[in-house]
Amino acid sequence: MERAGTNPIFLAAGAAVLVFSLLGTAALTGALPSANTAPGAAAAKAKCVNCGAIESIRAVQVQGDTSGVGAVAGGVAGGLVGNQFGHGGTRTLLTIGGAAGGAYAGNAIEKNMKTHTAWRVSVRMDDGTLRTLSRSAQPPFAVGDRVRITDSAGIERV
C-alpha cells in the first residue's frame, strides 16, 4: 500500500504563492522599496530649511540716526532768539525755553534730513514661519517668487 501524502510539487507551489502574496502586499503598502527609487531620491526630496515664498514687499520710510549737531545748532539758535525778548528773569526763562525748543526742533530736522527708503521683504518659509528682511535697495523679486535666505541675510532665487 502506498502512503498517501502531499506531492512535493504542490508544497513548492503553495510556498511560492505565499511568498509572492507577501511580497505584493509589502510593495502595495510601501514596506518594500519600489524599483523606481534611486539612491539619491531621498536627498532630492529633502526640504530646504531656508526656502520660502515672498509674501509681501513694502517700501517704508526709515528715519536716520542723529549725530547731535542738529540739536546743538537748534539749541544755540533758539537760545539766541529767546534772549532777544523780555527783561531780567523773564529773559532768562525765554532763553532757556528757546534753547530747549530749538534743540528739539533741530534734532527733528536732522532726523528728517537723514530719512531714507528701505524695503521690507516678508518671506513665508516652507515650515510655515514668517521672516521679514530689510533691504536698502529695491529687490528684484515679486510676490510669490520662491527664494532662499542666505547666511548673510540676503535673498536669492531658488
N, C-alpha and C. Protein backbone atom coordinates (compact mmCIF):
# COMPACT_ATOMS: atom_id res chain seq x y z
N MET A 1 0.81 -1.15 0.00
CA MET A 1 0.00 0.00 0.00
C MET A 1 0.87 1.24 0.00
N GLU A 2 0.44 2.13 -0.80
CA GLU A 2 1.21 3.36 -0.88
C GLU A 2 0.73 4.32 0.19
N ARG A 3 1.66 5.04 0.57
CA ARG A 3 1.37 6.01 1.60
C ARG A 3 0.80 7.27 0.94
N ALA A 4 -0.30 7.78 1.44
CA ALA A 4 -0.92 8.97 0.87
C ALA A 4 -0.25 10.18 1.49
N GLY A 5 0.27 11.06 0.70
CA GLY A 5 0.94 12.27 1.19
C GLY A 5 0.79 13.39 0.18
N THR A 6 1.31 14.50 0.55
CA THR A 6 1.23 15.66 -0.33
C THR A 6 2.42 15.63 -1.25
N ASN A 7 2.13 15.82 -2.50
CA ASN A 7 3.16 15.82 -3.51
C ASN A 7 4.07 17.03 -3.30
N PRO A 8 5.39 16.87 -3.40
CA PRO A 8 6.31 17.99 -3.19
C PRO A 8 6.09 19.15 -4.18
N ILE A 9 5.56 18.87 -5.33
CA ILE A 9 5.30 19.94 -6.29
C ILE A 9 4.19 20.85 -5.76
N PHE A 10 3.19 20.26 -5.11
CA PHE A 10 2.12 21.07 -4.54
C PHE A 10 2.64 21.92 -3.36
N LEU A 11 3.56 21.35 -2.57
CA LEU A 11 4.14 22.10 -1.47
C LEU A 11 4.95 23.29 -1.98
N ALA A 12 5.73 23.09 -3.04
CA ALA A 12 6.54 24.16 -3.61
C ALA A 12 5.64 25.24 -4.22
N ALA A 13 4.59 24.83 -4.88
CA ALA A 13 3.66 25.79 -5.48
C ALA A 13 2.97 26.60 -4.40
N GLY A 14 2.58 25.99 -3.31
CA GLY A 14 1.93 26.70 -2.20
C GLY A 14 2.87 27.71 -1.55
N ALA A 15 4.13 27.29 -1.37
CA ALA A 15 5.12 28.19 -0.78
C ALA A 15 5.37 29.38 -1.70
N ALA A 16 5.43 29.16 -3.01
CA ALA A 16 5.65 30.24 -3.98
C ALA A 16 4.49 31.23 -3.95
N VAL A 17 3.26 30.73 -3.89
CA VAL A 17 2.10 31.61 -3.84
C VAL A 17 2.13 32.43 -2.56
N LEU A 18 2.50 31.84 -1.44
CA LEU A 18 2.58 32.54 -0.18
C LEU A 18 3.65 33.64 -0.22
N VAL A 19 4.85 33.34 -0.74
CA VAL A 19 5.93 34.32 -0.82
C VAL A 19 5.54 35.47 -1.74
N PHE A 20 4.99 35.20 -2.90
CA PHE A 20 4.60 36.26 -3.83
C PHE A 20 3.44 37.10 -3.28
N SER A 21 2.55 36.51 -2.53
CA SER A 21 1.47 37.27 -1.91
C SER A 21 2.01 38.23 -0.86
N LEU A 22 2.95 37.74 -0.05
CA LEU A 22 3.55 38.60 0.97
C LEU A 22 4.35 39.74 0.33
N LEU A 23 5.11 39.45 -0.73
CA LEU A 23 5.87 40.48 -1.43
C LEU A 23 4.94 41.52 -2.07
N GLY A 24 3.85 41.09 -2.66
CA GLY A 24 2.89 42.01 -3.27
C GLY A 24 2.26 42.92 -2.23
N THR A 25 1.89 42.36 -1.10
CA THR A 25 1.30 43.15 -0.02
C THR A 25 2.31 44.17 0.51
N ALA A 26 3.55 43.76 0.68
CA ALA A 26 4.59 44.68 1.17
C ALA A 26 4.84 45.81 0.18
N ALA A 27 4.83 45.50 -1.12
CA ALA A 27 5.04 46.54 -2.14
C ALA A 27 3.89 47.52 -2.19
N LEU A 28 2.66 47.04 -2.06
CA LEU A 28 1.49 47.92 -2.11
C LEU A 28 1.38 48.81 -0.87
N THR A 29 1.80 48.35 0.27
CA THR A 29 1.71 49.14 1.50
C THR A 29 2.92 50.04 1.70
N GLY A 30 3.94 49.95 0.85
CA GLY A 30 5.12 50.80 0.96
C GLY A 30 6.19 50.23 1.85
N ALA A 31 6.01 49.05 2.39
CA ALA A 31 7.02 48.44 3.23
C ALA A 31 8.21 47.95 2.42
N LEU A 32 8.00 47.77 1.14
CA LEU A 32 9.06 47.30 0.24
C LEU A 32 9.39 48.44 -0.72
N PRO A 33 10.67 48.85 -0.84
CA PRO A 33 11.00 49.94 -1.76
C PRO A 33 10.70 49.54 -3.19
N SER A 34 10.25 50.54 -3.96
CA SER A 34 9.91 50.25 -5.36
C SER A 34 11.15 50.28 -6.22
N ALA A 35 11.04 49.81 -7.43
CA ALA A 35 12.18 49.75 -8.34
C ALA A 35 12.54 51.14 -8.85
N ASN A 36 11.63 52.13 -8.74
CA ASN A 36 11.90 53.49 -9.23
C ASN A 36 12.76 54.29 -8.27
N THR A 37 12.93 53.84 -7.05
CA THR A 37 13.64 54.62 -6.06
C THR A 37 15.12 54.63 -6.38
N ALA A 38 15.62 55.83 -6.71
CA ALA A 38 17.05 55.99 -6.98
C ALA A 38 17.76 56.24 -5.66
N PRO A 39 19.06 55.97 -5.59
CA PRO A 39 19.77 56.16 -4.32
C PRO A 39 19.73 57.60 -3.82
N GLY A 40 19.74 58.60 -4.69
CA GLY A 40 19.74 59.99 -4.26
C GLY A 40 18.36 60.61 -4.19
N ALA A 41 17.32 59.84 -4.38
CA ALA A 41 15.97 60.39 -4.40
C ALA A 41 15.57 60.96 -3.04
N ALA A 42 15.99 60.32 -1.97
CA ALA A 42 15.65 60.83 -0.64
C ALA A 42 16.32 62.17 -0.40
N ALA A 43 17.54 62.33 -0.85
CA ALA A 43 18.24 63.60 -0.68
C ALA A 43 17.60 64.68 -1.51
N ALA A 44 17.10 64.35 -2.70
CA ALA A 44 16.47 65.35 -3.57
C ALA A 44 15.14 65.81 -2.99
N LYS A 45 14.45 64.93 -2.26
CA LYS A 45 13.16 65.29 -1.69
C LYS A 45 13.29 66.01 -0.36
N ALA A 46 14.51 66.11 0.19
CA ALA A 46 14.70 66.79 1.47
C ALA A 46 14.32 68.26 1.33
N LYS A 47 13.65 68.77 2.35
CA LYS A 47 13.18 70.15 2.30
C LYS A 47 14.34 71.11 2.51
N CYS A 48 14.23 72.24 1.87
CA CYS A 48 15.18 73.34 2.05
C CYS A 48 14.72 74.13 3.26
N VAL A 49 15.52 74.15 4.32
CA VAL A 49 15.10 74.81 5.55
C VAL A 49 15.15 76.33 5.45
N ASN A 50 15.86 76.88 4.47
CA ASN A 50 15.95 78.33 4.31
C ASN A 50 15.17 78.82 3.10
N CYS A 51 14.21 78.02 2.62
CA CYS A 51 13.46 78.39 1.42
C CYS A 51 12.02 78.78 1.78
N GLY A 52 11.45 79.61 0.91
CA GLY A 52 10.08 80.01 1.11
C GLY A 52 9.60 80.82 -0.08
N ALA A 53 8.43 81.43 0.06
CA ALA A 53 7.84 82.25 -1.00
C ALA A 53 7.64 83.66 -0.47
N ILE A 54 7.91 84.64 -1.33
CA ILE A 54 7.75 86.03 -0.92
C ILE A 54 6.26 86.32 -0.75
N GLU A 55 5.91 86.81 0.43
CA GLU A 55 4.51 87.10 0.75
C GLU A 55 4.18 88.57 0.53
N SER A 56 5.14 89.46 0.82
CA SER A 56 4.90 90.89 0.58
C SER A 56 6.22 91.64 0.47
N ILE A 57 6.17 92.76 -0.26
CA ILE A 57 7.30 93.67 -0.39
C ILE A 57 6.74 95.07 -0.15
N ARG A 58 7.26 95.76 0.87
CA ARG A 58 6.76 97.09 1.21
C ARG A 58 7.91 98.08 1.27
N ALA A 59 7.69 99.28 0.73
CA ALA A 59 8.65 100.37 0.87
C ALA A 59 8.27 101.15 2.13
N VAL A 60 9.23 101.37 3.01
CA VAL A 60 8.98 102.10 4.25
C VAL A 60 10.00 103.23 4.39
N GLN A 61 9.59 104.30 5.04
CA GLN A 61 10.49 105.42 5.31
C GLN A 61 11.15 105.17 6.67
N VAL A 62 12.48 105.19 6.70
CA VAL A 62 13.24 104.95 7.92
C VAL A 62 13.96 106.25 8.28
N GLN A 63 13.71 106.74 9.49
CA GLN A 63 14.40 107.94 9.92
C GLN A 63 15.83 107.60 10.31
N GLY A 64 16.74 108.46 9.89
CA GLY A 64 18.15 108.23 10.17
C GLY A 64 18.51 108.54 11.60
N ASP A 65 19.69 108.11 12.00
CA ASP A 65 20.20 108.41 13.34
C ASP A 65 20.71 109.84 13.37
N THR A 66 20.58 110.46 14.52
CA THR A 66 21.06 111.84 14.64
C THR A 66 22.44 111.84 15.28
N SER A 67 23.22 112.85 14.91
CA SER A 67 24.57 112.97 15.46
C SER A 67 24.62 113.95 16.62
N GLY A 68 23.57 114.73 16.81
CA GLY A 68 23.54 115.74 17.87
C GLY A 68 23.83 117.13 17.36
N VAL A 69 24.34 117.22 16.12
CA VAL A 69 24.66 118.52 15.54
C VAL A 69 23.40 119.36 15.39
N GLY A 70 22.31 118.75 14.94
CA GLY A 70 21.05 119.48 14.78
C GLY A 70 20.52 119.99 16.10
N ALA A 71 20.64 119.18 17.15
CA ALA A 71 20.15 119.60 18.46
C ALA A 71 20.99 120.75 19.01
N VAL A 72 22.30 120.68 18.84
CA VAL A 72 23.18 121.74 19.33
C VAL A 72 22.92 123.03 18.57
N ALA A 73 22.86 122.94 17.23
CA ALA A 73 22.63 124.14 16.42
C ALA A 73 21.26 124.74 16.72
N GLY A 74 20.24 123.91 16.85
CA GLY A 74 18.90 124.39 17.18
C GLY A 74 18.85 125.01 18.56
N GLY A 75 19.56 124.41 19.51
CA GLY A 75 19.59 124.94 20.87
C GLY A 75 20.24 126.31 20.93
N VAL A 76 21.35 126.47 20.21
CA VAL A 76 22.04 127.77 20.18
C VAL A 76 21.15 128.81 19.51
N ALA A 77 20.56 128.48 18.38
CA ALA A 77 19.69 129.43 17.67
C ALA A 77 18.48 129.78 18.52
N GLY A 78 17.86 128.79 19.15
CA GLY A 78 16.71 129.05 20.00
C GLY A 78 17.05 129.90 21.20
N GLY A 79 18.22 129.65 21.79
CA GLY A 79 18.68 130.45 22.93
C GLY A 79 18.92 131.90 22.53
N LEU A 80 19.51 132.11 21.36
CA LEU A 80 19.76 133.47 20.89
C LEU A 80 18.45 134.22 20.63
N VAL A 81 17.49 133.55 20.02
CA VAL A 81 16.20 134.18 19.75
C VAL A 81 15.48 134.46 21.07
N GLY A 82 15.47 133.52 21.99
CA GLY A 82 14.80 133.72 23.28
C GLY A 82 15.41 134.84 24.09
N ASN A 83 16.70 135.06 23.95
CA ASN A 83 17.41 136.10 24.68
C ASN A 83 17.04 137.50 24.20
N GLN A 84 16.43 137.61 23.04
CA GLN A 84 16.07 138.91 22.48
C GLN A 84 14.80 139.48 23.09
N PHE A 85 14.09 138.70 23.84
CA PHE A 85 12.80 139.14 24.38
C PHE A 85 12.86 139.20 25.90
N GLY A 86 12.05 140.02 26.48
CA GLY A 86 11.90 140.11 27.93
C GLY A 86 13.06 140.83 28.60
N HIS A 87 12.94 140.98 29.97
CA HIS A 87 13.95 141.63 30.78
C HIS A 87 14.14 140.82 32.06
N GLY A 88 15.32 140.73 32.56
CA GLY A 88 15.62 140.09 33.85
C GLY A 88 15.33 138.60 33.83
N GLY A 89 14.50 138.16 34.81
CA GLY A 89 14.16 136.75 34.96
C GLY A 89 13.36 136.22 33.78
N THR A 90 12.56 137.08 33.19
CA THR A 90 11.77 136.66 32.02
C THR A 90 12.68 136.35 30.85
N ARG A 91 13.72 137.20 30.69
CA ARG A 91 14.67 136.97 29.60
C ARG A 91 15.37 135.63 29.80
N THR A 92 15.76 135.32 31.02
CA THR A 92 16.43 134.04 31.32
C THR A 92 15.50 132.87 31.00
N LEU A 93 14.25 133.00 31.42
CA LEU A 93 13.27 131.94 31.16
C LEU A 93 13.05 131.76 29.66
N LEU A 94 12.94 132.85 28.92
CA LEU A 94 12.75 132.75 27.47
C LEU A 94 14.00 132.20 26.77
N THR A 95 15.18 132.52 27.28
CA THR A 95 16.42 131.99 26.71
C THR A 95 16.49 130.47 26.89
N ILE A 96 16.17 130.00 28.09
CA ILE A 96 16.18 128.55 28.37
C ILE A 96 15.11 127.84 27.55
N GLY A 97 13.91 128.42 27.50
CA GLY A 97 12.83 127.82 26.72
C GLY A 97 13.16 127.80 25.23
N GLY A 98 13.75 128.88 24.73
CA GLY A 98 14.16 128.91 23.31
C GLY A 98 15.23 127.90 23.00
N ALA A 99 16.18 127.74 23.92
CA ALA A 99 17.25 126.75 23.71
C ALA A 99 16.68 125.33 23.69
N ALA A 100 15.76 125.03 24.63
CA ALA A 100 15.16 123.68 24.67
C ALA A 100 14.32 123.42 23.43
N GLY A 101 13.47 124.38 23.06
CA GLY A 101 12.64 124.22 21.86
C GLY A 101 13.48 124.12 20.59
N GLY A 102 14.53 124.93 20.52
CA GLY A 102 15.42 124.89 19.36
C GLY A 102 16.17 123.58 19.25
N ALA A 103 16.59 123.05 20.40
CA ALA A 103 17.30 121.76 20.39
C ALA A 103 16.37 120.65 19.89
N TYR A 104 15.12 120.66 20.38
CA TYR A 104 14.15 119.64 19.95
C TYR A 104 13.88 119.76 18.45
N ALA A 105 13.65 121.00 18.00
CA ALA A 105 13.36 121.23 16.58
C ALA A 105 14.58 120.87 15.71
N GLY A 106 15.78 121.23 16.16
CA GLY A 106 17.00 120.91 15.39
C GLY A 106 17.22 119.42 15.26
N ASN A 107 16.93 118.68 16.33
CA ASN A 107 17.06 117.22 16.30
C ASN A 107 16.05 116.62 15.33
N ALA A 108 14.81 117.11 15.35
CA ALA A 108 13.77 116.60 14.45
C ALA A 108 14.12 116.91 12.99
N ILE A 109 14.64 118.09 12.74
CA ILE A 109 15.04 118.45 11.37
C ILE A 109 16.16 117.55 10.88
N GLU A 110 17.14 117.27 11.75
CA GLU A 110 18.24 116.39 11.35
C GLU A 110 17.73 114.98 11.04
N LYS A 111 16.79 114.47 11.86
CA LYS A 111 16.21 113.14 11.60
C LYS A 111 15.54 113.10 10.23
N ASN A 112 14.73 114.14 9.94
CA ASN A 112 14.02 114.18 8.66
C ASN A 112 14.96 114.30 7.48
N MET A 113 16.07 114.99 7.66
CA MET A 113 17.03 115.13 6.57
C MET A 113 17.73 113.81 6.27
N LYS A 114 17.83 112.94 7.26
CA LYS A 114 18.52 111.66 7.07
C LYS A 114 17.55 110.51 6.81
N THR A 115 16.28 110.82 6.53
CA THR A 115 15.29 109.79 6.25
C THR A 115 15.60 109.15 4.89
N HIS A 116 15.46 107.81 4.84
CA HIS A 116 15.69 107.09 3.59
C HIS A 116 14.64 105.98 3.43
N THR A 117 14.56 105.45 2.23
CA THR A 117 13.59 104.38 1.94
C THR A 117 14.27 103.02 2.10
N ALA A 118 13.58 102.11 2.77
CA ALA A 118 14.03 100.73 2.90
C ALA A 118 12.89 99.83 2.44
N TRP A 119 13.22 98.65 2.00
CA TRP A 119 12.21 97.69 1.55
C TRP A 119 12.16 96.54 2.52
N ARG A 120 10.96 96.26 3.03
CA ARG A 120 10.72 95.13 3.93
C ARG A 120 10.17 93.98 3.09
N VAL A 121 10.90 92.87 3.07
CA VAL A 121 10.51 91.69 2.29
C VAL A 121 10.09 90.61 3.28
N SER A 122 8.81 90.22 3.24
CA SER A 122 8.30 89.17 4.11
C SER A 122 8.27 87.86 3.34
N VAL A 123 8.92 86.83 3.91
CA VAL A 123 9.03 85.52 3.26
C VAL A 123 8.34 84.49 4.14
N ARG A 124 7.36 83.78 3.57
CA ARG A 124 6.69 82.68 4.26
C ARG A 124 7.55 81.45 4.02
N MET A 125 8.22 80.99 5.07
CA MET A 125 9.14 79.86 4.95
C MET A 125 8.35 78.56 4.75
N ASP A 126 9.04 77.56 4.22
CA ASP A 126 8.39 76.27 3.97
C ASP A 126 7.87 75.62 5.25
N ASP A 127 8.47 75.97 6.40
CA ASP A 127 8.00 75.40 7.66
C ASP A 127 6.82 76.18 8.26
N GLY A 128 6.35 77.24 7.54
CA GLY A 128 5.18 77.98 7.97
C GLY A 128 5.49 79.28 8.71
N THR A 129 6.74 79.48 9.11
CA THR A 129 7.08 80.71 9.81
C THR A 129 7.20 81.87 8.82
N LEU A 130 7.13 83.09 9.35
CA LEU A 130 7.24 84.29 8.52
C LEU A 130 8.49 85.04 8.94
N ARG A 131 9.37 85.32 7.98
CA ARG A 131 10.59 86.09 8.24
C ARG A 131 10.52 87.37 7.42
N THR A 132 10.89 88.48 8.05
CA THR A 132 10.90 89.76 7.36
C THR A 132 12.33 90.29 7.35
N LEU A 133 12.81 90.61 6.16
CA LEU A 133 14.16 91.12 5.98
C LEU A 133 14.09 92.54 5.44
N SER A 134 15.08 93.33 5.75
CA SER A 134 15.14 94.70 5.29
C SER A 134 16.26 94.82 4.25
N ARG A 135 15.95 95.51 3.15
CA ARG A 135 16.94 95.72 2.10
C ARG A 135 17.02 97.22 1.81
N SER A 136 18.21 97.70 1.51
CA SER A 136 18.39 99.13 1.25
C SER A 136 18.04 99.49 -0.19
N ALA A 137 18.06 98.51 -1.08
CA ALA A 137 17.71 98.74 -2.48
C ALA A 137 16.45 97.94 -2.81
N GLN A 138 15.72 98.41 -3.82
CA GLN A 138 14.51 97.71 -4.22
C GLN A 138 14.86 96.30 -4.71
N PRO A 139 14.23 95.27 -4.15
CA PRO A 139 14.58 93.90 -4.52
C PRO A 139 14.09 93.55 -5.92
N PRO A 140 14.84 92.68 -6.62
CA PRO A 140 14.45 92.28 -7.97
C PRO A 140 13.46 91.11 -7.97
N PHE A 141 12.66 90.98 -6.94
CA PHE A 141 11.72 89.87 -6.80
C PHE A 141 10.30 90.39 -6.85
N ALA A 142 9.37 89.47 -6.97
CA ALA A 142 7.94 89.80 -6.95
C ALA A 142 7.25 88.90 -5.92
N VAL A 143 6.09 89.30 -5.48
CA VAL A 143 5.31 88.49 -4.55
C VAL A 143 5.03 87.14 -5.21
N GLY A 144 5.25 86.07 -4.46
CA GLY A 144 5.02 84.72 -4.96
C GLY A 144 6.30 84.02 -5.42
N ASP A 145 7.39 84.76 -5.64
CA ASP A 145 8.65 84.15 -6.08
C ASP A 145 9.19 83.23 -5.00
N ARG A 146 9.76 82.09 -5.42
CA ARG A 146 10.42 81.17 -4.50
C ARG A 146 11.85 81.67 -4.27
N VAL A 147 12.25 81.79 -2.99
CA VAL A 147 13.56 82.31 -2.66
C VAL A 147 14.20 81.49 -1.54
N ARG A 148 15.50 81.70 -1.39
CA ARG A 148 16.26 81.09 -0.29
C ARG A 148 16.92 82.24 0.46
N ILE A 149 16.86 82.20 1.79
CA ILE A 149 17.52 83.20 2.62
C ILE A 149 18.92 82.68 2.91
N THR A 150 19.93 83.48 2.57
CA THR A 150 21.31 83.07 2.74
C THR A 150 21.83 83.48 4.12
N ASP A 151 23.01 82.98 4.46
CA ASP A 151 23.59 83.26 5.77
C ASP A 151 23.81 84.75 6.02
N SER A 152 24.12 85.49 4.99
CA SER A 152 24.38 86.91 5.14
C SER A 152 23.09 87.72 5.14
N ALA A 153 21.96 87.11 5.42
CA ALA A 153 20.63 87.73 5.45
C ALA A 153 20.27 88.29 4.08
N GLY A 154 20.81 87.67 3.04
CA GLY A 154 20.46 88.04 1.68
C GLY A 154 19.36 87.13 1.17
N ILE A 155 18.84 87.47 0.02
CA ILE A 155 17.78 86.66 -0.58
C ILE A 155 18.20 86.33 -2.01
N GLU A 156 18.04 85.07 -2.39
CA GLU A 156 18.34 84.67 -3.77
C GLU A 156 17.23 83.77 -4.28
N ARG A 157 17.02 83.81 -5.59
CA ARG A 157 16.00 82.95 -6.20
C ARG A 157 16.40 81.48 -6.08
N VAL A 158 15.37 80.65 -5.95
CA VAL A 158 15.60 79.20 -5.90
C VAL A 158 15.50 78.64 -7.29
